């Protein structure tokens, strides 16, 4: 479904990603961990087509994202992807229900599922509220509901539990798992949380040397330390 082929990205003369390659299997939930500044968020932005690599290819269903014009890339992102941004990007002039319903409306679908998704993230009955009335953790839950509402084929999540308490985070991770299972979708989750990484089918560590798979034995040792 998704393949990175020698992806390189440089900012202001500094190499952030250097020849990163990996093939992601359909239906997998993959966690990516690594030190701060190593390029994890950059990698997600490149996969989403929000930025372009300096070299290399990102292939989605056999199509190179670099081969798409702006309209085609936008249409692909709108229909096939759900993105949980670290900064949330919840639109302040829309109600919570309108924010969550946005992917449905952009794809020409009804908005009925928006209320159900708000309830699923613990914000049932608050669809008429505005983002200014919410805490950071509540905004993060709105962003998660919006990313999942249209059942995208690929979910990209940047620190999706970073502003949540452990109990709420556990519920959100369970929701993510159940939504992925129901739709057969794939997900890539950048996280610093061992609890979040534990639910993944696969754990990758991003470093200056690229993406490296953590074996089951190593993963167990990592999470027990």
C-alpha atoms as a PDB file:
ATOM      1  CA  UNK A   1       0.000   0.000   0.000  1.00  0.00           C
ATOM      2  CA  UNK A   2       2.661   2.531   1.112  1.00  0.00           C
ATOM      3  CA  UNK A   3       6.334   2.452   0.277  1.00  0.00           C
ATOM      4  CA  UNK A   4       9.178   4.886   0.956  1.00  0.00           C
ATOM      5  CA  UNK A   5      12.027   4.697  -1.542  1.00  0.00           C
ATOM      6  CA  UNK A   6      15.262   6.448  -0.515  1.00  0.00           C
ATOM      7  CA  UNK A   7      13.429   9.523   0.761  1.00  0.00           C
ATOM      8  CA  UNK A   8      15.692  12.471   1.582  1.00  0.00           C
ATOM      9  CA  UNK A   9      14.720  15.852   3.000  1.00  0.00           C
ATOM     10  CA  UNK A  10      16.921  18.824   3.858  1.00  0.00           C
ATOM     11  CA  UNK A  11      15.994  22.046   5.653  1.00  0.00           C
ATOM     12  CA  UNK A  12      18.318  25.070   5.645  1.00  0.00           C
ATOM     13  CA  UNK A  13      21.268  22.921   4.673  1.00  0.00           C
ATOM     14  CA  UNK A  14      20.609  20.334   7.399  1.00  0.00           C
ATOM     15  CA  UNK A  15      19.765  16.801   6.319  1.00  0.00           C
ATOM     16  CA  UNK A  16      16.674  15.746   8.290  1.00  0.00           C
ATOM     17  CA  UNK A  17      15.921  12.483   6.475  1.00  0.00           C
ATOM     18  CA  UNK A  18      18.624  10.676   4.548  1.00  0.00           C
ATOM     19  CA  UNK A  19      17.631   7.883   2.183  1.00  0.00           C
ATOM     20  CA  UNK A  20      14.744   6.511   4.255  1.00  0.00           C
ATOM     21  CA  UNK A  21      13.188   3.368   2.779  1.00  0.00           C
ATOM     22  CA  UNK A  22      10.435   1.125   4.119  1.00  0.00           C
ATOM     23  CA  UNK A  23       7.418  -0.813   2.878  1.00  0.00           C
ATOM     24  CA  UNK A  24       4.304  -0.660   5.052  1.00  0.00           C
ATOM     25  CA  UNK A  25       1.946  -3.627   4.869  1.00  0.00           C
ATOM     26  CA  UNK A  26      -1.808  -3.065   4.350  1.00  0.00           C
ATOM     27  CA  UNK A  27      -3.879  -3.092   7.523  1.00  0.00           C
ATOM     28  CA  UNK A  28      -0.927  -2.549   9.864  1.00  0.00           C
ATOM     29  CA  UNK A  29      -0.728  -0.140  12.770  1.00  0.00           C
ATOM     30  CA  UNK A  30       2.897   1.017  12.847  1.00  0.00           C
ATOM     31  CA  UNK A  31       4.425   3.094  15.619  1.00  0.00           C
ATOM     32  CA  UNK A  32       7.465   5.258  14.933  1.00  0.00           C
ATOM     33  CA  UNK A  33       9.670   6.395  17.796  1.00  0.00           C
ATOM     34  CA  UNK A  34      12.964   8.264  17.872  1.00  0.00           C
ATOM     35  CA  UNK A  35      14.806  11.176  19.416  1.00  0.00           C
ATOM     36  CA  UNK A  36      13.390  14.695  19.133  1.00  0.00           C
ATOM     37  CA  UNK A  37      14.436  16.455  15.948  1.00  0.00           C
ATOM     38  CA  UNK A  38      15.205  13.288  14.030  1.00  0.00           C
ATOM     39  CA  UNK A  39      12.459  13.961  11.479  1.00  0.00           C
ATOM     40  CA  UNK A  40       9.422  11.985  12.619  1.00  0.00           C
ATOM     41  CA  UNK A  41       6.889  14.763  11.995  1.00  0.00           C
ATOM     42  CA  UNK A  42       8.646  15.643   8.739  1.00  0.00           C
ATOM     43  CA  UNK A  43       8.238  12.049   7.620  1.00  0.00           C
ATOM     44  CA  UNK A  44       4.491  12.133   8.315  1.00  0.00           C
ATOM     45  CA  UNK A  45       4.125  15.410   6.412  1.00  0.00           C
ATOM     46  CA  UNK A  46       5.921  13.907   3.427  1.00  0.00           C
ATOM     47  CA  UNK A  47       3.724  10.794   3.466  1.00  0.00           C
ATOM     48  CA  UNK A  48       0.641  13.013   3.604  1.00  0.00           C
ATOM     49  CA  UNK A  49       1.861  15.032   0.633  1.00  0.00           C
ATOM     50  CA  UNK A  50       1.939  18.208   2.709  1.00  0.00           C
ATOM     51  CA  UNK A  51       5.624  18.551   1.854  1.00  0.00           C
ATOM     52  CA  UNK A  52       7.806  17.094  -0.886  1.00  0.00           C
ATOM     53  CA  UNK A  53      11.071  15.156  -0.556  1.00  0.00           C
ATOM     54  CA  UNK A  54      14.254  16.499  -2.101  1.00  0.00           C
ATOM     55  CA  UNK A  55      14.825  13.073  -3.620  1.00  0.00           C
ATOM     56  CA  UNK A  56      13.311   9.618  -3.518  1.00  0.00           C
ATOM     57  CA  UNK A  57       9.725   8.514  -3.961  1.00  0.00           C
ATOM     58  CA  UNK A  58       6.702   7.951  -1.748  1.00  0.00           C
ATOM     59  CA  UNK A  59       4.443   5.387  -3.372  1.00  0.00           C
ATOM     60  CA  UNK A  60       0.793   4.971  -2.385  1.00  0.00           C
ATOM     61  CA  UNK A  61      -1.019   2.088  -4.062  1.00  0.00           C
ATOM     62  CA  UNK A  62       1.696   2.049  -6.712  1.00  0.00           C
ATOM     63  CA  UNK A  63       1.432   5.756  -7.530  1.00  0.00           C
ATOM     64  CA  UNK A  64       4.248   8.200  -6.744  1.00  0.00           C
ATOM     65  CA  UNK A  65       2.891  11.192  -4.816  1.00  0.00           C
ATOM     66  CA  UNK A  66       5.375  13.391  -6.689  1.00  0.00           C
ATOM     67  CA  UNK A  67       3.594  12.503  -9.953  1.00  0.00           C
ATOM     68  CA  UNK A  68       0.324  14.080  -8.768  1.00  0.00           C
ATOM     69  CA  UNK A  69      -0.571  17.711  -9.378  1.00  0.00           C
ATOM     70  CA  UNK A  70      -1.917  19.828  -6.518  1.00  0.00           C
ATOM     71  CA  UNK A  71      -5.572  19.008  -7.251  1.00  0.00           C
ATOM     72  CA  UNK A  72      -4.957  15.268  -7.474  1.00  0.00           C
ATOM     73  CA  UNK A  73      -2.854  15.283  -4.314  1.00  0.00           C
ATOM     74  CA  UNK A  74      -5.553  17.191  -2.432  1.00  0.00           C
ATOM     75  CA  UNK A  75      -8.255  14.800  -3.630  1.00  0.00           C
ATOM     76  CA  UNK A  76      -6.168  11.796  -2.586  1.00  0.00           C
ATOM     77  CA  UNK A  77      -5.443  13.248   0.842  1.00  0.00           C
ATOM     78  CA  UNK A  78      -9.100  14.184   1.332  1.00  0.00           C
ATOM     79  CA  UNK A  79     -10.527  10.780   0.433  1.00  0.00           C
ATOM     80  CA  UNK A  80      -7.834   8.322   1.506  1.00  0.00           C
ATOM     81  CA  UNK A  81      -6.109   9.868   4.531  1.00  0.00           C
ATOM     82  CA  UNK A  82      -6.878  11.029   8.037  1.00  0.00           C
ATOM     83  CA  UNK A  83      -4.307  13.193   9.810  1.00  0.00           C
ATOM     84  CA  UNK A  84      -3.955  13.957  13.531  1.00  0.00           C
ATOM     85  CA  UNK A  85      -1.705  17.016  13.700  1.00  0.00           C
ATOM     86  CA  UNK A  86       0.404  17.729  16.769  1.00  0.00           C
ATOM     87  CA  UNK A  87      -1.009  21.280  16.719  1.00  0.00           C
ATOM     88  CA  UNK A  88      -4.569  19.908  16.189  1.00  0.00           C
ATOM     89  CA  UNK A  89      -5.567  22.480  13.501  1.00  0.00           C
ATOM     90  CA  UNK A  90      -9.169  22.499  14.739  1.00  0.00           C
ATOM     91  CA  UNK A  91     -10.920  25.376  12.947  1.00  0.00           C
ATOM     92  CA  UNK A  92     -11.918  28.018  15.530  1.00  0.00           C
ATOM     93  CA  UNK A  93     -14.924  29.415  13.640  1.00  0.00           C
ATOM     94  CA  UNK A  94     -16.621  26.004  13.346  1.00  0.00           C
ATOM     95  CA  UNK A  95     -18.428  24.087  16.077  1.00  0.00           C
ATOM     96  CA  UNK A  96     -16.990  20.792  17.220  1.00  0.00           C
ATOM     97  CA  UNK A  97     -19.510  18.828  15.171  1.00  0.00           C
ATOM     98  CA  UNK A  98     -18.780  20.937  12.099  1.00  0.00           C
ATOM     99  CA  UNK A  99     -15.051  20.355  12.540  1.00  0.00           C
ATOM    100  CA  UNK A 100     -15.490  16.609  12.800  1.00  0.00           C
ATOM    101  CA  UNK A 101     -17.974  16.512   9.904  1.00  0.00           C
ATOM    102  CA  UNK A 102     -15.635  18.403   7.565  1.00  0.00           C
ATOM    103  CA  UNK A 103     -14.010  15.299   5.959  1.00  0.00           C
ATOM    104  CA  UNK A 104     -17.469  13.821   5.372  1.00  0.00           C
ATOM    105  CA  UNK A 105     -18.774  16.965   3.691  1.00  0.00           C
ATOM    106  CA  UNK A 106     -15.637  17.374   1.573  1.00  0.00           C
ATOM    107  CA  UNK A 107     -16.156  13.823   0.330  1.00  0.00           C
ATOM    108  CA  UNK A 108     -19.828  14.413  -0.475  1.00  0.00           C
ATOM    109  CA  UNK A 109     -21.148  12.307   2.384  1.00  0.00           C
ATOM    110  CA  UNK A 110     -23.720  12.927   5.115  1.00  0.00           C
ATOM    111  CA  UNK A 111     -22.602  14.237   8.484  1.00  0.00           C
ATOM    112  CA  UNK A 112     -24.496  11.770  10.690  1.00  0.00           C
ATOM    113  CA  UNK A 113     -21.343   9.959  11.860  1.00  0.00           C
ATOM    114  CA  UNK A 114     -19.832  13.175  13.283  1.00  0.00           C
ATOM    115  CA  UNK A 115     -21.931  13.074  16.441  1.00  0.00           C
ATOM    116  CA  UNK A 116     -21.147   9.409  17.011  1.00  0.00           C
ATOM    117  CA  UNK A 117     -17.425  10.058  16.699  1.00  0.00           C
ATOM    118  CA  UNK A 118     -17.586  12.931  19.170  1.00  0.00           C
ATOM    119  CA  UNK A 119     -19.327  10.602  21.601  1.00  0.00           C
ATOM    120  CA  UNK A 120     -16.676   7.947  20.958  1.00  0.00           C
ATOM    121  CA  UNK A 121     -13.921  10.341  22.076  1.00  0.00           C
ATOM    122  CA  UNK A 122     -15.863  11.373  25.177  1.00  0.00           C
ATOM    123  CA  UNK A 123     -17.333  14.625  23.877  1.00  0.00           C
ATOM    124  CA  UNK A 124     -20.913  13.532  23.290  1.00  0.00           C
ATOM    125  CA  UNK A 125     -23.435  16.336  23.666  1.00  0.00           C
ATOM    126  CA  UNK A 126     -20.839  19.028  22.990  1.00  0.00           C
ATOM    127  CA  UNK A 127     -21.162  19.220  19.223  1.00  0.00           C
ATOM    128  CA  UNK A 128     -22.455  22.807  19.406  1.00  0.00           C
ATOM    129  CA  UNK A 129     -19.469  24.058  21.415  1.00  0.00           C
ATOM    130  CA  UNK A 130     -16.610  25.978  19.829  1.00  0.00           C
ATOM    131  CA  UNK A 131     -12.902  25.121  20.098  1.00  0.00           C
ATOM    132  CA  UNK A 132     -12.242  28.113  22.389  1.00  0.00           C
ATOM    133  CA  UNK A 133     -14.309  26.358  25.061  1.00  0.00           C
ATOM    134  CA  UNK A 134     -12.061  23.288  25.123  1.00  0.00           C
ATOM    135  CA  UNK A 135      -8.838  22.298  26.850  1.00  0.00           C
ATOM    136  CA  UNK A 136      -5.815  21.085  24.924  1.00  0.00           C
ATOM    137  CA  UNK A 137      -6.675  17.475  25.619  1.00  0.00           C
ATOM    138  CA  UNK A 138     -10.242  17.959  24.432  1.00  0.00           C
ATOM    139  CA  UNK A 139      -9.022  19.626  21.236  1.00  0.00           C
ATOM    140  CA  UNK A 140      -6.785  16.644  20.617  1.00  0.00           C
ATOM    141  CA  UNK A 141      -9.774  14.334  20.916  1.00  0.00           C
ATOM    142  CA  UNK A 142     -11.701  16.448  18.379  1.00  0.00           C
ATOM    143  CA  UNK A 143      -8.751  16.133  15.995  1.00  0.00           C
ATOM    144  CA  UNK A 144      -8.750  12.359  16.441  1.00  0.00           C
ATOM    145  CA  UNK A 145     -12.493  12.135  15.811  1.00  0.00           C
ATOM    146  CA  UNK A 146     -12.078  14.219  12.643  1.00  0.00           C
ATOM    147  CA  UNK A 147      -9.232  12.011  11.390  1.00  0.00           C
ATOM    148  CA  UNK A 148     -11.291   8.837  11.797  1.00  0.00           C
ATOM    149  CA  UNK A 149     -14.803   9.973  10.896  1.00  0.00           C
ATOM    150  CA  UNK A 150     -14.635   9.241   7.141  1.00  0.00           C
ATOM    151  CA  UNK A 151     -12.925   5.853   7.673  1.00  0.00           C
ATOM    152  CA  UNK A 152      -9.799   6.676   5.664  1.00  0.00           C
ATOM    153  CA  UNK A 153      -7.552   3.976   4.246  1.00  0.00           C
ATOM    154  CA  UNK A 154      -4.497   5.513   5.925  1.00  0.00           C
ATOM    155  CA  UNK A 155      -4.405   7.299   9.286  1.00  0.00           C
ATOM    156  CA  UNK A 156      -1.358   9.427  10.093  1.00  0.00           C
ATOM    157  CA  UNK A 157      -1.146  10.427  13.745  1.00  0.00           C
ATOM    158  CA  UNK A 158       1.490  12.736  15.226  1.00  0.00           C
ATOM    159  CA  UNK A 159       1.638  12.218  19.015  1.00  0.00           C
ATOM    160  CA  UNK A 160      -2.112  11.426  19.206  1.00  0.00           C
ATOM    161  CA  UNK A 161      -2.073  10.935  22.995  1.00  0.00           C
ATOM    162  CA  UNK A 162       0.447  13.655  23.852  1.00  0.00           C
ATOM    163  CA  UNK A 163      -2.054  15.875  25.703  1.00  0.00           C
ATOM    164  CA  UNK A 164      -4.164  13.136  27.270  1.00  0.00           C
ATOM    165  CA  UNK A 165      -4.125  11.634  30.746  1.00  0.00           C
ATOM    166  CA  UNK A 166      -3.320   7.895  30.865  1.00  0.00           C
ATOM    167  CA  UNK A 167      -6.932   6.744  31.252  1.00  0.00           C
ATOM    168  CA  UNK A 168      -8.218   8.893  28.390  1.00  0.00           C
ATOM    169  CA  UNK A 169      -5.222   7.929  26.245  1.00  0.00           C
ATOM    170  CA  UNK A 170      -5.989   4.241  26.764  1.00  0.00           C
ATOM    171  CA  UNK A 171      -9.572   4.781  25.603  1.00  0.00           C
ATOM    172  CA  UNK A 172      -8.442   6.720  22.526  1.00  0.00           C
ATOM    173  CA  UNK A 173      -5.938   4.011  21.591  1.00  0.00           C
ATOM    174  CA  UNK A 174      -8.650   1.375  21.935  1.00  0.00           C
ATOM    175  CA  UNK A 175     -10.908   3.472  19.670  1.00  0.00           C
ATOM    176  CA  UNK A 176      -8.121   3.781  17.111  1.00  0.00           C
ATOM    177  CA  UNK A 177      -7.606   0.024  17.094  1.00  0.00           C
ATOM    178  CA  UNK A 178     -11.318  -0.715  16.713  1.00  0.00           C
ATOM    179  CA  UNK A 179     -11.791   1.831  13.902  1.00  0.00           C
ATOM    180  CA  UNK A 180      -8.812   0.458  11.997  1.00  0.00           C
ATOM    181  CA  UNK A 181     -10.071  -3.078  12.399  1.00  0.00           C
ATOM    182  CA  UNK A 182     -13.599  -2.154  11.282  1.00  0.00           C
ATOM    183  CA  UNK A 183     -12.392  -0.485   8.083  1.00  0.00           C
ATOM    184  CA  UNK A 184      -9.268  -2.541   7.363  1.00  0.00           C
ATOM    185  CA  UNK A 185      -7.248   0.680   7.371  1.00  0.00           C
ATOM    186  CA  UNK A 186      -3.557   1.197   8.013  1.00  0.00           C
ATOM    187  CA  UNK A 187      -2.055   3.696  10.438  1.00  0.00           C
ATOM    188  CA  UNK A 188       1.312   5.258  11.145  1.00  0.00           C
ATOM    189  CA  UNK A 189       1.623   6.778  14.589  1.00  0.00           C
ATOM    190  CA  UNK A 190       4.544   8.936  15.698  1.00  0.00           C
ATOM    191  CA  UNK A 191       4.799   8.768  19.468  1.00  0.00           C
ATOM    192  CA  UNK A 192       7.049   9.144  22.488  1.00  0.00           C
ATOM    193  CA  UNK A 193       4.610   7.062  24.552  1.00  0.00           C
ATOM    194  CA  UNK A 194       5.533   3.455  25.255  1.00  0.00           C
ATOM    195  CA  UNK A 195       1.872   2.785  26.112  1.00  0.00           C
ATOM    196  CA  UNK A 196       0.841   3.981  22.648  1.00  0.00           C
ATOM    197  CA  UNK A 197       3.628   2.087  20.894  1.00  0.00           C
ATOM    198  CA  UNK A 198       2.646  -1.118  22.683  1.00  0.00           C
ATOM    199  CA  UNK A 199      -0.621  -1.382  20.764  1.00  0.00           C
ATOM    200  CA  UNK A 200       1.156  -1.259  17.389  1.00  0.00           C
ATOM    201  CA  UNK A 201       1.647  -4.280  15.157  1.00  0.00           C
ATOM    202  CA  UNK A 202       5.142  -3.041  14.399  1.00  0.00           C
ATOM    203  CA  UNK A 203       7.560  -0.605  16.050  1.00  0.00           C
ATOM    204  CA  UNK A 204      10.075   1.332  13.956  1.00  0.00           C
ATOM    205  CA  UNK A 205      12.848   3.541  15.303  1.00  0.00           C
ATOM    206  CA  UNK A 206      13.777   6.541  13.170  1.00  0.00           C
ATOM    207  CA  UNK A 207      17.384   7.663  13.417  1.00  0.00           C
ATOM    208  CA  UNK A 208      19.943   9.384  11.195  1.00  0.00           C
ATOM    209  CA  UNK A 209      20.574   5.932   9.714  1.00  0.00           C
ATOM    210  CA  UNK A 210      16.950   5.476   8.631  1.00  0.00           C
ATOM    211  CA  UNK A 211      13.973   3.417   9.818  1.00  0.00           C
ATOM    212  CA  UNK A 212      14.803   0.260  11.739  1.00  0.00           C
ATOM    213  CA  UNK A 213      12.407  -2.446  12.854  1.00  0.00           C
ATOM    214  CA  UNK A 214      12.443  -3.321  16.545  1.00  0.00           C
ATOM    215  CA  UNK A 215      12.220  -7.081  17.064  1.00  0.00           C
ATOM    216  CA  UNK A 216       9.611  -8.500  19.435  1.00  0.00           C
ATOM    217  CA  UNK A 217      12.307  -9.412  21.952  1.00  0.00           C
ATOM    218  CA  UNK A 218      13.876  -5.956  21.795  1.00  0.00           C
ATOM    219  CA  UNK A 219      10.445  -4.339  22.014  1.00  0.00           C
ATOM    220  CA  UNK A 220       9.594  -6.260  25.182  1.00  0.00           C
ATOM    221  CA  UNK A 221      12.912  -5.199  26.723  1.00  0.00           C
ATOM    222  CA  UNK A 222      12.373  -1.590  25.678  1.00  0.00           C
ATOM    223  CA  UNK A 223       8.919  -1.368  27.256  1.00  0.00           C
ATOM    224  CA  UNK A 224       9.896  -3.125  30.469  1.00  0.00           C
ATOM    225  CA  UNK A 225      12.743  -0.722  31.188  1.00  0.00           C
END
